[in-house]
C-alpha atoms as a PDB file:
ATOM      1  CA  UNK A   1      -0.265  -0.125  -0.222  1.00  0.00           C
ATOM      2  CA  UNK A   2       1.461   3.484  -1.242  1.00  0.00           C
ATOM      3  CA  UNK A   3      -0.534   5.343   1.344  1.00  0.00           C
ATOM      4  CA  UNK A   4      -0.325   4.140   4.716  1.00  0.00           C
ATOM      5  CA  UNK A   5      -2.768   6.846   6.219  1.00  0.00           C
ATOM      6  CA  UNK A   6      -4.259   9.998   4.571  1.00  0.00           C
ATOM      7  CA  UNK A   7      -2.068  13.009   5.960  1.00  0.00           C
ATOM      8  CA  UNK A   8      -4.109  15.648   6.691  1.00  0.00           C
ATOM      9  CA  UNK A   9      -2.577  19.369   8.189  1.00  0.00           C
ATOM     10  CA  UNK A  10      -4.176  20.586  11.173  1.00  0.00           C
ATOM     11  CA  UNK A  11      -3.614  24.228  11.381  1.00  0.00           C
ATOM     12  CA  UNK A  12      -3.377  25.587  14.794  1.00  0.00           C
ATOM     13  CA  UNK A  13      -4.787  29.410  15.249  1.00  0.00           C
ATOM     14  CA  UNK A  14      -2.154  32.136  15.129  1.00  0.00           C
ATOM     15  CA  UNK A  15      -1.184  32.756  18.752  1.00  0.00           C
ATOM     16  CA  UNK A  16      -1.643  36.788  18.224  1.00  0.00           C
ATOM     17  CA  UNK A  17      -5.065  35.679  18.019  1.00  0.00           C
ATOM     18  CA  UNK A  18      -5.909  34.484  21.258  1.00  0.00           C
ATOM     19  CA  UNK A  19      -4.137  32.916  24.322  1.00  0.00           C
ATOM     20  CA  UNK A  20      -3.571  29.094  22.892  1.00  0.00           C
ATOM     21  CA  UNK A  21      -3.576  26.425  25.773  1.00  0.00           C
ATOM     22  CA  UNK A  22      -4.124  23.609  23.610  1.00  0.00           C
ATOM     23  CA  UNK A  23      -0.795  22.368  22.382  1.00  0.00           C
ATOM     24  CA  UNK A  24       2.286  21.333  24.705  1.00  0.00           C
ATOM     25  CA  UNK A  25       4.100  24.801  24.010  1.00  0.00           C
ATOM     26  CA  UNK A  26       6.851  26.302  26.013  1.00  0.00           C
ATOM     27  CA  UNK A  27       6.700  27.754  29.404  1.00  0.00           C
ATOM     28  CA  UNK A  28       6.836  31.699  28.134  1.00  0.00           C
ATOM     29  CA  UNK A  29       4.411  34.307  29.422  1.00  0.00           C
ATOM     30  CA  UNK A  30       2.909  35.491  26.086  1.00  0.00           C
ATOM     31  CA  UNK A  31       2.306  38.813  27.664  1.00  0.00           C
ATOM     32  CA  UNK A  32       6.044  39.729  28.749  1.00  0.00           C
ATOM     33  CA  UNK A  33       7.657  37.821  25.536  1.00  0.00           C
ATOM     34  CA  UNK A  34       8.305  39.812  22.252  1.00  0.00           C
ATOM     35  CA  UNK A  35       5.815  39.083  20.085  1.00  0.00           C
ATOM     36  CA  UNK A  36       7.571  39.239  16.780  1.00  0.00           C
ATOM     37  CA  UNK A  37      10.218  36.827  18.146  1.00  0.00           C
ATOM     38  CA  UNK A  38       7.794  34.597  19.882  1.00  0.00           C
ATOM     39  CA  UNK A  39       5.342  34.030  16.984  1.00  0.00           C
ATOM     40  CA  UNK A  40       8.523  32.540  15.083  1.00  0.00           C
ATOM     41  CA  UNK A  41       8.697  29.087  17.342  1.00  0.00           C
ATOM     42  CA  UNK A  42       4.874  28.058  17.593  1.00  0.00           C
ATOM     43  CA  UNK A  43       3.770  25.051  15.787  1.00  0.00           C
ATOM     44  CA  UNK A  44       4.376  25.882  12.187  1.00  0.00           C
ATOM     45  CA  UNK A  45       1.518  26.457   9.323  1.00  0.00           C
ATOM     46  CA  UNK A  46       3.450  25.418   5.922  1.00  0.00           C
ATOM     47  CA  UNK A  47       0.084  25.843   3.959  1.00  0.00           C
ATOM     48  CA  UNK A  48       0.975  29.739   2.908  1.00  0.00           C
ATOM     49  CA  UNK A  49       4.585  28.335   1.736  1.00  0.00           C
ATOM     50  CA  UNK A  50       2.908  26.178   0.022  1.00  0.00           C
ATOM     51  CA  UNK A  51       0.772  28.344  -1.431  1.00  0.00           C
ATOM     52  CA  UNK A  52       3.664  30.921  -2.652  1.00  0.00           C
ATOM     53  CA  UNK A  53       5.212  27.774  -4.291  1.00  0.00           C
ATOM     54  CA  UNK A  54       2.422  26.717  -6.321  1.00  0.00           C
ATOM     55  CA  UNK A  55       1.615  30.253  -7.247  1.00  0.00           C
ATOM     56  CA  UNK A  56       5.553  30.435  -8.377  1.00  0.00           C
ATOM     57  CA  UNK A  57       5.615  27.709 -10.587  1.00  0.00           C
ATOM     58  CA  UNK A  58       1.942  28.160 -11.879  1.00  0.00           C
ATOM     59  CA  UNK A  59       0.783  24.594 -10.615  1.00  0.00           C
ATOM     60  CA  UNK A  60      -1.734  23.325  -7.889  1.00  0.00           C
ATOM     61  CA  UNK A  61      -0.995  23.184  -4.431  1.00  0.00           C
ATOM     62  CA  UNK A  62      -1.975  19.235  -4.438  1.00  0.00           C
ATOM     63  CA  UNK A  63       1.320  18.639  -6.669  1.00  0.00           C
ATOM     64  CA  UNK A  64       3.572  20.338  -3.841  1.00  0.00           C
ATOM     65  CA  UNK A  65       5.298  18.651  -0.927  1.00  0.00           C
ATOM     66  CA  UNK A  66       7.143  20.335   1.567  1.00  0.00           C
ATOM     67  CA  UNK A  67      10.546  19.131   3.177  1.00  0.00           C
ATOM     68  CA  UNK A  68      13.209  19.915   5.582  1.00  0.00           C
ATOM     69  CA  UNK A  69      16.004  20.469   2.675  1.00  0.00           C
ATOM     70  CA  UNK A  70      16.141  18.298  -0.068  1.00  0.00           C
ATOM     71  CA  UNK A  71      17.612  15.752   1.917  1.00  0.00           C
ATOM     72  CA  UNK A  72      14.097  14.826   4.187  1.00  0.00           C
ATOM     73  CA  UNK A  73      12.386  14.422   0.923  1.00  0.00           C
ATOM     74  CA  UNK A  74      14.979  12.014  -0.502  1.00  0.00           C
ATOM     75  CA  UNK A  75      14.388  10.126   2.132  1.00  0.00           C
ATOM     76  CA  UNK A  76      10.391   9.806   2.017  1.00  0.00           C
ATOM     77  CA  UNK A  77      10.666   9.251  -1.952  1.00  0.00           C
ATOM     78  CA  UNK A  78      13.047   5.989  -1.364  1.00  0.00           C
ATOM     79  CA  UNK A  79      10.459   4.707   1.648  1.00  0.00           C
ATOM     80  CA  UNK A  80       7.835   5.274  -0.721  1.00  0.00           C
ATOM     81  CA  UNK A  81       9.214   3.872  -3.883  1.00  0.00           C
ATOM     82  CA  UNK A  82      10.441   0.833  -1.622  1.00  0.00           C
ATOM     83  CA  UNK A  83       7.401   0.191  -0.362  1.00  0.00           C
ATOM     84  CA  UNK A  84       5.417   0.237  -3.986  1.00  0.00           C
ATOM     85  CA  UNK A  85       7.732  -1.324  -5.508  1.00  0.00           C
ATOM     86  CA  UNK A  86       9.277  -4.658  -5.302  1.00  0.00           C
ATOM     87  CA  UNK A  87      12.232  -4.360  -7.432  1.00  0.00           C
ATOM     88  CA  UNK A  88      14.683  -2.082  -6.049  1.00  0.00           C
ATOM     89  CA  UNK A  89      17.014  -1.157  -8.599  1.00  0.00           C
ATOM     90  CA  UNK A  90      18.416   2.502  -8.727  1.00  0.00           C
ATOM     91  CA  UNK A  91      20.859   4.431 -11.168  1.00  0.00           C
ATOM     92  CA  UNK A  92      22.846   8.074 -11.044  1.00  0.00           C
ATOM     93  CA  UNK A  93      25.594   9.556 -12.258  1.00  0.00           C
ATOM     94  CA  UNK A  94      28.529  10.149  -9.715  1.00  0.00           C
ATOM     95  CA  UNK A  95      30.141  11.900  -8.069  1.00  0.00           C
ATOM     96  CA  UNK A  96      26.976  12.947  -6.410  1.00  0.00           C
ATOM     97  CA  UNK A  97      24.938  14.113  -3.555  1.00  0.00           C
ATOM     98  CA  UNK A  98      26.231  10.903  -0.661  1.00  0.00           C
ATOM     99  CA  UNK A  99      22.399  10.644   0.972  1.00  0.00           C
ATOM    100  CA  UNK A 100      21.320   9.070  -2.526  1.00  0.00           C
ATOM    101  CA  UNK A 101      23.976   6.521  -1.993  1.00  0.00           C
ATOM    102  CA  UNK A 102      23.089   6.566   1.636  1.00  0.00           C
ATOM    103  CA  UNK A 103      19.328   6.350   1.600  1.00  0.00           C
ATOM    104  CA  UNK A 104      19.612   3.868  -1.271  1.00  0.00           C
ATOM    105  CA  UNK A 105      21.839   1.468   1.243  1.00  0.00           C
ATOM    106  CA  UNK A 106      19.187   1.876   3.756  1.00  0.00           C
ATOM    107  CA  UNK A 107      16.427   0.555   2.015  1.00  0.00           C
ATOM    108  CA  UNK A 108      18.324  -2.233   0.309  1.00  0.00           C
ATOM    109  CA  UNK A 109      18.462  -1.486  -3.334  1.00  0.00           C
ATOM    110  CA  UNK A 110      20.792  -2.312  -5.847  1.00  0.00           C
ATOM    111  CA  UNK A 111      23.178   0.382  -7.186  1.00  0.00           C
ATOM    112  CA  UNK A 112      24.065   1.250 -10.363  1.00  0.00           C
ATOM    113  CA  UNK A 113      26.407   4.564 -11.487  1.00  0.00           C
ATOM    114  CA  UNK A 114      27.888   5.920 -14.413  1.00  0.00           C
ATOM    115  CA  UNK A 115      30.453   8.641 -14.244  1.00  0.00           C
ATOM    116  CA  UNK A 116      30.258  12.047 -15.473  1.00  0.00           C
ATOM    117  CA  UNK A 117      33.804  13.239 -16.489  1.00  0.00           C
ATOM    118  CA  UNK A 118      33.703  17.070 -17.798  1.00  0.00           C
ATOM    119  CA  UNK A 119      35.895  16.480 -20.197  1.00  0.00           C
ATOM    120  CA  UNK A 120      33.870  13.710 -22.248  1.00  0.00           C
ATOM    121  CA  UNK A 121      30.221  15.228 -21.537  1.00  0.00           C
ATOM    122  CA  UNK A 122      29.270  15.003 -25.283  1.00  0.00           C
ATOM    123  CA  UNK A 123      29.492  11.317 -25.042  1.00  0.00           C
ATOM    124  CA  UNK A 124      26.657  11.675 -22.077  1.00  0.00           C
ATOM    125  CA  UNK A 125      23.424  12.024 -24.190  1.00  0.00           C
ATOM    126  CA  UNK A 126      19.738  10.132 -24.455  1.00  0.00           C
ATOM    127  CA  UNK A 127      21.009   6.821 -25.819  1.00  0.00           C
ATOM    128  CA  UNK A 128      23.773   6.392 -23.234  1.00  0.00           C
ATOM    129  CA  UNK A 129      21.235   6.668 -20.610  1.00  0.00           C
ATOM    130  CA  UNK A 130      18.349   4.320 -22.634  1.00  0.00           C
ATOM    131  CA  UNK A 131      21.334   1.928 -23.032  1.00  0.00           C
ATOM    132  CA  UNK A 132      22.298   2.281 -19.547  1.00  0.00           C
ATOM    133  CA  UNK A 133      18.872   1.732 -17.951  1.00  0.00           C
ATOM    134  CA  UNK A 134      18.166  -1.224 -20.186  1.00  0.00           C
ATOM    135  CA  UNK A 135      21.170  -2.778 -19.204  1.00  0.00           C
ATOM    136  CA  UNK A 136      20.870  -2.529 -15.557  1.00  0.00           C
ATOM    137  CA  UNK A 137      17.116  -3.179 -15.923  1.00  0.00           C
ATOM    138  CA  UNK A 138      16.538   0.280 -13.336  1.00  0.00           C
ATOM    139  CA  UNK A 139      13.360   0.978 -12.019  1.00  0.00           C
ATOM    140  CA  UNK A 140      14.288   4.218 -10.303  1.00  0.00           C
ATOM    141  CA  UNK A 141      16.363   6.631 -12.133  1.00  0.00           C
ATOM    142  CA  UNK A 142      17.417   9.728 -10.239  1.00  0.00           C
ATOM    143  CA  UNK A 143      18.942  12.222 -13.086  1.00  0.00           C
ATOM    144  CA  UNK A 144      20.665  15.541 -11.341  1.00  0.00           C
ATOM    145  CA  UNK A 145      20.053  18.297 -13.477  1.00  0.00           C
ATOM    146  CA  UNK A 146      22.761  20.210 -13.786  1.00  0.00           C
ATOM    147  CA  UNK A 147      24.766  17.840 -11.981  1.00  0.00           C
ATOM    148  CA  UNK A 148      26.944  18.504  -9.508  1.00  0.00           C
ATOM    149  CA  UNK A 149      30.059  19.205  -8.659  1.00  0.00           C
ATOM    150  CA  UNK A 150      30.669  18.133 -12.465  1.00  0.00           C
ATOM    151  CA  UNK A 151      28.109  19.496 -14.675  1.00  0.00           C
ATOM    152  CA  UNK A 152      25.837  17.807 -17.293  1.00  0.00           C
ATOM    153  CA  UNK A 153      23.277  19.964 -17.860  1.00  0.00           C
ATOM    154  CA  UNK A 154      20.149  18.481 -20.017  1.00  0.00           C
ATOM    155  CA  UNK A 155      17.763  20.339 -22.197  1.00  0.00           C
ATOM    156  CA  UNK A 156      13.847  20.160 -21.972  1.00  0.00           C
ATOM    157  CA  UNK A 157      14.025  18.394 -25.362  1.00  0.00           C
ATOM    158  CA  UNK A 158      16.192  15.588 -24.293  1.00  0.00           C
ATOM    159  CA  UNK A 159      14.644  15.380 -20.731  1.00  0.00           C
ATOM    160  CA  UNK A 160      11.444  14.542 -22.434  1.00  0.00           C
ATOM    161  CA  UNK A 161      13.007  12.159 -24.071  1.00  0.00           C
ATOM    162  CA  UNK A 162      14.451  10.645 -21.241  1.00  0.00           C
ATOM    163  CA  UNK A 163      11.333  10.854 -18.978  1.00  0.00           C
ATOM    164  CA  UNK A 164       8.821   9.418 -21.667  1.00  0.00           C
ATOM    165  CA  UNK A 165      10.967   6.440 -22.320  1.00  0.00           C
ATOM    166  CA  UNK A 166      11.364   5.727 -18.325  1.00  0.00           C
ATOM    167  CA  UNK A 167       7.283   6.100 -18.454  1.00  0.00           C
ATOM    168  CA  UNK A 168       6.951   3.390 -21.502  1.00  0.00           C
ATOM    169  CA  UNK A 169       9.477   1.033 -19.713  1.00  0.00           C
ATOM    170  CA  UNK A 170       7.776   1.625 -16.102  1.00  0.00           C
ATOM    171  CA  UNK A 171      10.673   3.600 -14.261  1.00  0.00           C
ATOM    172  CA  UNK A 172      10.190   6.136 -11.580  1.00  0.00           C
ATOM    173  CA  UNK A 173      12.801   9.122 -12.465  1.00  0.00           C
ATOM    174  CA  UNK A 174      13.300  11.896  -9.811  1.00  0.00           C
ATOM    175  CA  UNK A 175      14.965  15.071 -11.275  1.00  0.00           C
ATOM    176  CA  UNK A 176      16.945  16.962  -9.030  1.00  0.00           C
ATOM    177  CA  UNK A 177      16.782  20.721  -9.730  1.00  0.00           C
ATOM    178  CA  UNK A 178      18.613  21.537  -6.711  1.00  0.00           C
ATOM    179  CA  UNK A 179      21.201  23.721  -8.970  1.00  0.00           C
ATOM    180  CA  UNK A 180      18.290  24.789 -11.373  1.00  0.00           C
ATOM    181  CA  UNK A 181      17.933  28.734 -11.777  1.00  0.00           C
ATOM    182  CA  UNK A 182      21.374  29.757 -12.568  1.00  0.00           C
ATOM    183  CA  UNK A 183      21.012  29.327 -16.280  1.00  0.00           C
ATOM    184  CA  UNK A 184      19.335  26.004 -16.465  1.00  0.00           C
ATOM    185  CA  UNK A 185      15.701  24.800 -17.434  1.00  0.00           C
ATOM    186  CA  UNK A 186      13.496  23.616 -15.191  1.00  0.00           C
ATOM    187  CA  UNK A 187      11.302  20.516 -16.245  1.00  0.00           C
ATOM    188  CA  UNK A 188       8.643  20.761 -13.948  1.00  0.00           C
ATOM    189  CA  UNK A 189       5.640  21.317 -16.290  1.00  0.00           C
ATOM    190  CA  UNK A 190       6.795  17.883 -17.194  1.00  0.00           C
ATOM    191  CA  UNK A 191       4.210  16.694 -14.337  1.00  0.00           C
ATOM    192  CA  UNK A 192       1.322  17.751 -16.192  1.00  0.00           C
ATOM    193  CA  UNK A 193       1.977  15.052 -19.094  1.00  0.00           C
ATOM    194  CA  UNK A 194       4.264  12.652 -17.013  1.00  0.00           C
ATOM    195  CA  UNK A 195       3.005  10.628 -13.630  1.00  0.00           C
ATOM    196  CA  UNK A 196       6.400   8.802 -13.408  1.00  0.00           C
ATOM    197  CA  UNK A 197       7.979  11.905 -12.573  1.00  0.00           C
ATOM    198  CA  UNK A 198       9.170  13.602  -9.280  1.00  0.00           C
ATOM    199  CA  UNK A 199      10.861  17.089  -9.770  1.00  0.00           C
ATOM    200  CA  UNK A 200      13.102  17.840  -6.725  1.00  0.00           C
ATOM    201  CA  UNK A 201      14.083  21.976  -5.828  1.00  0.00           C
ATOM    202  CA  UNK A 202      15.741  23.759  -3.232  1.00  0.00           C
ATOM    203  CA  UNK A 203      15.978  27.100  -2.104  1.00  0.00           C
ATOM    204  CA  UNK A 204      19.865  26.095  -0.965  1.00  0.00           C
ATOM    205  CA  UNK A 205      21.700  27.563  -3.988  1.00  0.00           C
ATOM    206  CA  UNK A 206      20.229  29.707  -6.853  1.00  0.00           C
ATOM    207  CA  UNK A 207      18.327  31.266  -3.817  1.00  0.00           C
ATOM    208  CA  UNK A 208      21.599  31.435  -1.706  1.00  0.00           C
ATOM    209  CA  UNK A 209      19.619  30.120   1.291  1.00  0.00           C
ATOM    210  CA  UNK A 210      21.437  26.900   2.167  1.00  0.00           C
ATOM    211  CA  UNK A 211      21.003  27.627   6.152  1.00  0.00           C
ATOM    212  CA  UNK A 212      17.277  27.797   5.809  1.00  0.00           C
ATOM    213  CA  UNK A 213      16.836  24.442   5.395  1.00  0.00           C
ATOM    214  CA  UNK A 214      13.574  24.504   2.486  1.00  0.00           C
ATOM    215  CA  UNK A 215      13.126  21.726  -0.237  1.00  0.00           C
ATOM    216  CA  UNK A 216      10.080  20.484  -1.565  1.00  0.00           C
ATOM    217  CA  UNK A 217       8.992  18.158  -4.639  1.00  0.00           C
ATOM    218  CA  UNK A 218       6.600  18.951  -7.680  1.00  0.00           C
ATOM    219  CA  UNK A 219       4.624  15.998  -9.088  1.00  0.00           C
ATOM    220  CA  UNK A 220       1.113  14.312  -9.940  1.00  0.00           C
ATOM    221  CA  UNK A 221      -1.320  15.051  -7.502  1.00  0.00           C
ATOM    222  CA  UNK A 222      -1.398  11.141  -7.060  1.00  0.00           C
ATOM    223  CA  UNK A 223       2.335  10.424  -6.545  1.00  0.00           C
ATOM    224  CA  UNK A 224       2.778  13.390  -4.801  1.00  0.00           C
ATOM    225  CA  UNK A 225      -0.026  12.412  -1.611  1.00  0.00           C
ATOM    226  CA  UNK A 226       1.323   9.097  -1.496  1.00  0.00           C
ATOM    227  CA  UNK A 227       4.707  10.456  -1.047  1.00  0.00           C
ATOM    228  CA  UNK A 228       3.293  12.806   1.634  1.00  0.00           C
ATOM    229  CA  UNK A 229       2.241   9.501   3.797  1.00  0.00           C
ATOM    230  CA  UNK A 230       5.717   9.878   4.605  1.00  0.00           C
ATOM    231  CA  UNK A 231       6.502  13.358   5.451  1.00  0.00           C
ATOM    232  CA  UNK A 232       7.580  14.819   9.042  1.00  0.00           C
ATOM    233  CA  UNK A 233       4.967  15.706  11.492  1.00  0.00           C
ATOM    234  CA  UNK A 234       6.337  19.108  11.213  1.00  0.00           C
ATOM    235  CA  UNK A 235       8.173  20.282   7.967  1.00  0.00           C
ATOM    236  CA  UNK A 236      10.017  23.265   8.703  1.00  0.00           C
ATOM    237  CA  UNK A 237      10.177  25.992  11.931  1.00  0.00           C
ATOM    238  CA  UNK A 238       8.339  28.717  11.485  1.00  0.00           C
ATOM    239  CA  UNK A 239      10.948  30.960  11.170  1.00  0.00           C
ATOM    240  CA  UNK A 240      12.083  29.257   7.689  1.00  0.00           C
ATOM    241  CA  UNK A 241       8.848  29.564   6.309  1.00  0.00           C
ATOM    242  CA  UNK A 242       8.496  33.346   7.524  1.00  0.00           C
ATOM    243  CA  UNK A 243      11.725  33.892   5.989  1.00  0.00           C
ATOM    244  CA  UNK A 244      10.712  32.429   2.690  1.00  0.00           C
ATOM    245  CA  UNK A 245       7.228  33.601   2.416  1.00  0.00           C
ATOM    246  CA  UNK A 246       8.812  37.278   2.762  1.00  0.00           C
ATOM    247  CA  UNK A 247      11.017  36.227  -0.450  1.00  0.00           C
ATOM    248  CA  UNK A 248       8.605  35.187  -2.462  1.00  0.00           C
ATOM    249  CA  UNK A 249       6.110  38.095  -1.638  1.00  0.00           C
ATOM    250  CA  UNK A 250       9.082  40.497  -3.142  1.00  0.00           C
ATOM    251  CA  UNK A 251       8.738  38.394  -6.342  1.00  0.00           C
ATOM    252  CA  UNK A 252      11.282  37.416  -8.843  1.00  0.00           C
ATOM    253  CA  UNK A 253      13.035  40.401  -8.925  1.00  0.00           C
ATOM    254  CA  UNK A 254      14.567  39.723  -5.383  1.00  0.00           C
ATOM    255  CA  UNK A 255      15.087  36.391  -5.957  1.00  0.00           C
ATOM    256  CA  UNK A 256      16.827  37.202  -9.375  1.00  0.00           C
ATOM    257  CA  UNK A 257      19.462  39.244  -7.737  1.00  0.00           C
ATOM    258  CA  UNK A 258      21.093  36.623  -5.426  1.00  0.00           C
ATOM    259  CA  UNK A 259      21.233  34.034  -9.279  1.00  0.00           C
ATOM    260  CA  UNK A 260      22.229  37.504 -11.013  1.00  0.00           C
ATOM    261  CA  UNK A 261      25.219  37.671  -8.412  1.00  0.00           C
ATOM    262  CA  UNK A 262      26.271  33.916  -8.676  1.00  0.00           C
ATOM    263  CA  UNK A 263      26.036  34.127 -12.289  1.00  0.00           C
ATOM    264  CA  UNK A 264      28.902  37.084 -12.667  1.00  0.00           C
ATOM    265  CA  UNK A 265      30.795  35.969 -10.177  1.00  0.00           C
ATOM    266  CA  UNK A 266      30.738  31.997 -12.455  1.00  0.00           C
ATOM    267  CA  UNK A 267      31.931  34.465 -15.131  1.00  0.00           C
ATOM    268  CA  UNK A 268      34.342  36.258 -13.483  1.00  0.00           C
ATOM    269  CA  UNK A 269      36.069  33.130 -12.204  1.00  0.00           C
ATOM    270  CA  UNK A 270      35.836  31.200 -16.195  1.00  0.00           C
ATOM    271  CA  UNK A 271      37.731  35.000 -17.337  1.00  0.00           C
ATOM    272  CA  UNK A 272      40.367  34.600 -14.235  1.00  0.00           C
ATOM    273  CA  UNK A 273      41.019  31.203 -15.075  1.00  0.00           C
ATOM    274  CA  UNK A 274      41.306  31.513 -18.653  1.00  0.00           C
ATOM    275  CA  UNK A 275      43.536  34.456 -18.559  1.00  0.00           C
ATOM    276  CA  UNK A 276      46.093  32.028 -16.784  1.00  0.00           C
ATOM    277  CA  UNK A 277      45.383  29.650 -19.400  1.00  0.00           C
ATOM    278  CA  UNK A 278      43.712  27.133 -17.068  1.00  0.00           C
ATOM    279  CA  UNK A 279      40.783  25.198 -18.142  1.00  0.00           C
ATOM    280  CA  UNK A 280      37.707  25.711 -16.286  1.00  0.00           C
ATOM    281  CA  UNK A 281      34.023  24.183 -16.548  1.00  0.00           C
ATOM    282  CA  UNK A 282      30.771  24.851 -15.326  1.00  0.00           C
ATOM    283  CA  UNK A 283      28.155  27.111 -16.645  1.00  0.00           C
ATOM    284  CA  UNK A 284      24.936  26.080 -14.766  1.00  0.00           C
ATOM    285  CA  UNK A 285      26.244  25.973 -11.461  1.00  0.00           C
ATOM    286  CA  UNK A 286      26.667  27.554  -8.517  1.00  0.00           C
ATOM    287  CA  UNK A 287      30.786  26.568  -8.693  1.00  0.00           C
ATOM    288  CA  UNK A 288      33.384  26.468 -11.478  1.00  0.00           C
ATOM    289  CA  UNK A 289      35.882  22.878 -11.573  1.00  0.00           C
ATOM    290  CA  UNK A 290      39.305  23.779 -12.481  1.00  0.00           C
ATOM    291  CA  UNK A 291      41.618  21.077 -14.459  1.00  0.00           C
ATOM    292  CA  UNK A 292      44.636  21.124 -12.525  1.00  0.00           C
ATOM    293  CA  UNK A 293      46.294  18.657 -14.981  1.00  0.00           C
ATOM    294  CA  UNK A 294      46.909  15.949 -12.143  1.00  0.00           C
ATOM    295  CA  UNK A 295      46.644  14.772  -8.712  1.00  0.00           C
ATOM    296  CA  UNK A 296      49.586  16.412  -7.218  1.00  0.00           C
ATOM    297  CA  UNK A 297      48.836  19.806  -8.669  1.00  0.00           C
ATOM    298  CA  UNK A 298      45.239  19.498  -6.736  1.00  0.00           C
ATOM    299  CA  UNK A 299      46.349  18.590  -3.372  1.00  0.00           C
ATOM    300  CA  UNK A 300      49.213  21.222  -3.467  1.00  0.00           C
ATOM    301  CA  UNK A 301      47.015  23.795  -4.273  1.00  0.00           C
ATOM    302  CA  UNK A 302      43.926  22.534  -2.186  1.00  0.00           C
ATOM    303  CA  UNK A 303      46.367  22.090   1.123  1.00  0.00           C
ATOM    304  CA  UNK A 304      47.884  25.726   0.406  1.00  0.00           C
ATOM    305  CA  UNK A 305      44.628  27.583   0.099  1.00  0.00           C
ATOM    306  CA  UNK A 306      43.335  25.310   3.210  1.00  0.00           C
ATOM    307  CA  UNK A 307      46.249  26.734   5.340  1.00  0.00           C
ATOM    308  CA  UNK A 308      45.408  30.413   4.149  1.00  0.00           C
ATOM    309  CA  UNK A 309      41.884  29.373   5.613  1.00  0.00           C
ATOM    310  CA  UNK A 310      40.482  29.593   1.732  1.00  0.00           C
ATOM    311  CA  UNK A 311      38.163  26.450   1.287  1.00  0.00           C
ATOM    312  CA  UNK A 312      37.689  24.663  -1.875  1.00  0.00           C
ATOM    313  CA  UNK A 313      36.741  20.582  -2.915  1.00  0.00           C
ATOM    314  CA  UNK A 314      40.010  19.155  -4.295  1.00  0.00           C
ATOM    315  CA  UNK A 315      40.465  15.606  -2.620  1.00  0.00           C
ATOM    316  CA  UNK A 316      38.150  13.518  -5.560  1.00  0.00           C
ATOM    317  CA  UNK A 317      38.980   9.952  -6.082  1.00  0.00           C
ATOM    318  CA  UNK A 318      39.897   8.813  -9.797  1.00  0.00           C
ATOM    319  CA  UNK A 319      39.051   9.908 -11.965  1.00  0.00           C
ATOM    320  CA  UNK A 320      38.355  13.300 -11.055  1.00  0.00           C
ATOM    321  CA  UNK A 321      41.415  13.719  -8.872  1.00  0.00           C
ATOM    322  CA  UNK A 322      43.440  16.588 -10.873  1.00  0.00           C
ATOM    323  CA  UNK A 323      40.113  18.859 -10.362  1.00  0.00           C
ATOM    324  CA  UNK A 324      39.381  21.524  -8.029  1.00  0.00           C
ATOM    325  CA  UNK A 325      36.134  23.082  -7.424  1.00  0.00           C
ATOM    326  CA  UNK A 326      34.917  26.141  -6.059  1.00  0.00           C
ATOM    327  CA  UNK A 327      31.661  27.988  -5.162  1.00  0.00           C
ATOM    328  CA  UNK A 328      31.347  31.372  -7.018  1.00  0.00           C
ATOM    329  CA  UNK A 329      29.460  33.186  -4.311  1.00  0.00           C
ATOM    330  CA  UNK A 330      29.858  36.858  -5.452  1.00  0.00           C
ATOM    331  CA  UNK A 331      33.150  38.482  -7.343  1.00  0.00           C
ATOM    332  CA  UNK A 332      34.645  40.021  -3.931  1.00  0.00           C
ATOM    333  CA  UNK A 333      35.460  36.538  -2.732  1.00  0.00           C
ATOM    334  CA  UNK A 334      37.017  35.642  -5.758  1.00  0.00           C
ATOM    335  CA  UNK A 335      39.642  38.298  -5.649  1.00  0.00           C
ATOM    336  CA  UNK A 336      40.740  36.964  -2.507  1.00  0.00           C
ATOM    337  CA  UNK A 337      40.910  33.348  -3.934  1.00  0.00           C
ATOM    338  CA  UNK A 338      42.589  34.393  -6.824  1.00  0.00           C
ATOM    339  CA  UNK A 339      45.430  36.498  -4.897  1.00  0.00           C
ATOM    340  CA  UNK A 340      46.100  33.530  -3.279  1.00  0.00           C
ATOM    341  CA  UNK A 341      45.874  31.093  -6.331  1.00  0.00           C
ATOM    342  CA  UNK A 342      48.594  32.553  -7.977  1.00  0.00           C
ATOM    343  CA  UNK A 343      50.611  32.477  -5.297  1.00  0.00           C
ATOM    344  CA  UNK A 344      50.696  28.910  -4.547  1.00  0.00           C
ATOM    345  CA  UNK A 345      50.099  28.439  -8.637  1.00  0.00           C
ATOM    346  CA  UNK A 346      53.410  30.229  -9.148  1.00  0.00           C
ATOM    347  CA  UNK A 347      55.258  27.879  -7.029  1.00  0.00           C
ATOM    348  CA  UNK A 348      54.163  24.704  -8.447  1.00  0.00           C
ATOM    349  CA  UNK A 349      55.489  25.735 -11.927  1.00  0.00           C
ATOM    350  CA  UNK A 350      58.791  26.297 -10.550  1.00  0.00           C
ATOM    351  CA  UNK A 351      58.891  22.817  -9.322  1.00  0.00           C
END
């Protein structure tokens, strides 16, 4: 049974509209605490946020589930899929968010992977994916678009071809769009045509709010209701809901401001690496990958930056050990990075 219990959200009266003594609240004196702060910590109401997300994407509210970041929803989806289908064979590209692997192991899935190589990214096409799915008899496919930290960005035409193939072959497909919004196109409109599709999104990357821990899925109403069975009793704290509601109220211009800052910093990073004769990758993410020729260079440069309190990702296993990945937060931060990068890279060249 995919639905164990039908979940119904009980909306508690807002505490500023009366003295609430019907919930096990903390021991504050309502009349002696700052009301603005006090209201942030009562039992939350996620319906306002669901409504704003549905309007933002122009989909029905019943198509949306909220979670404590993308991680919480990944767990829910794995639980739902593992209960609904006897066959448990999952496939996804690597490297990837580790929780996909961890949840697969927890729920006893057979795992199949393919490597995402930025130097040979054109070989990763729809034909390759179809062969991968067929060969390994996968019934749950996770496609991160764009993928991170090594980027493969799928256009909407290719995405629909993959989703349609999955539908014909009874494969559930989760498209992870956590890094969407920085130049790539969302596939959420496909949920109107395909009932085997789940879109996962977050406010961490393009919104620049990783600590707020807000994630959500968009899917056909039937599949959304089934996944909702496994949600937490309280998905988000009221503070996070209030914060995100205000951002949505400010409209697309405010949201695009952060994205533009990240995109400009990404362009700046590519230009600076090009000036230095260094190959860089990633044109749809909030980070840039740098090819440092070999593992030894990556370790020396990464360790030097770490000692200078500049933290980047650089200890990748083979076949990615020669790469370094840095987040393109803003140009000011990158100017500090390149000053230290030049110091160590010049020393590496002399060795």
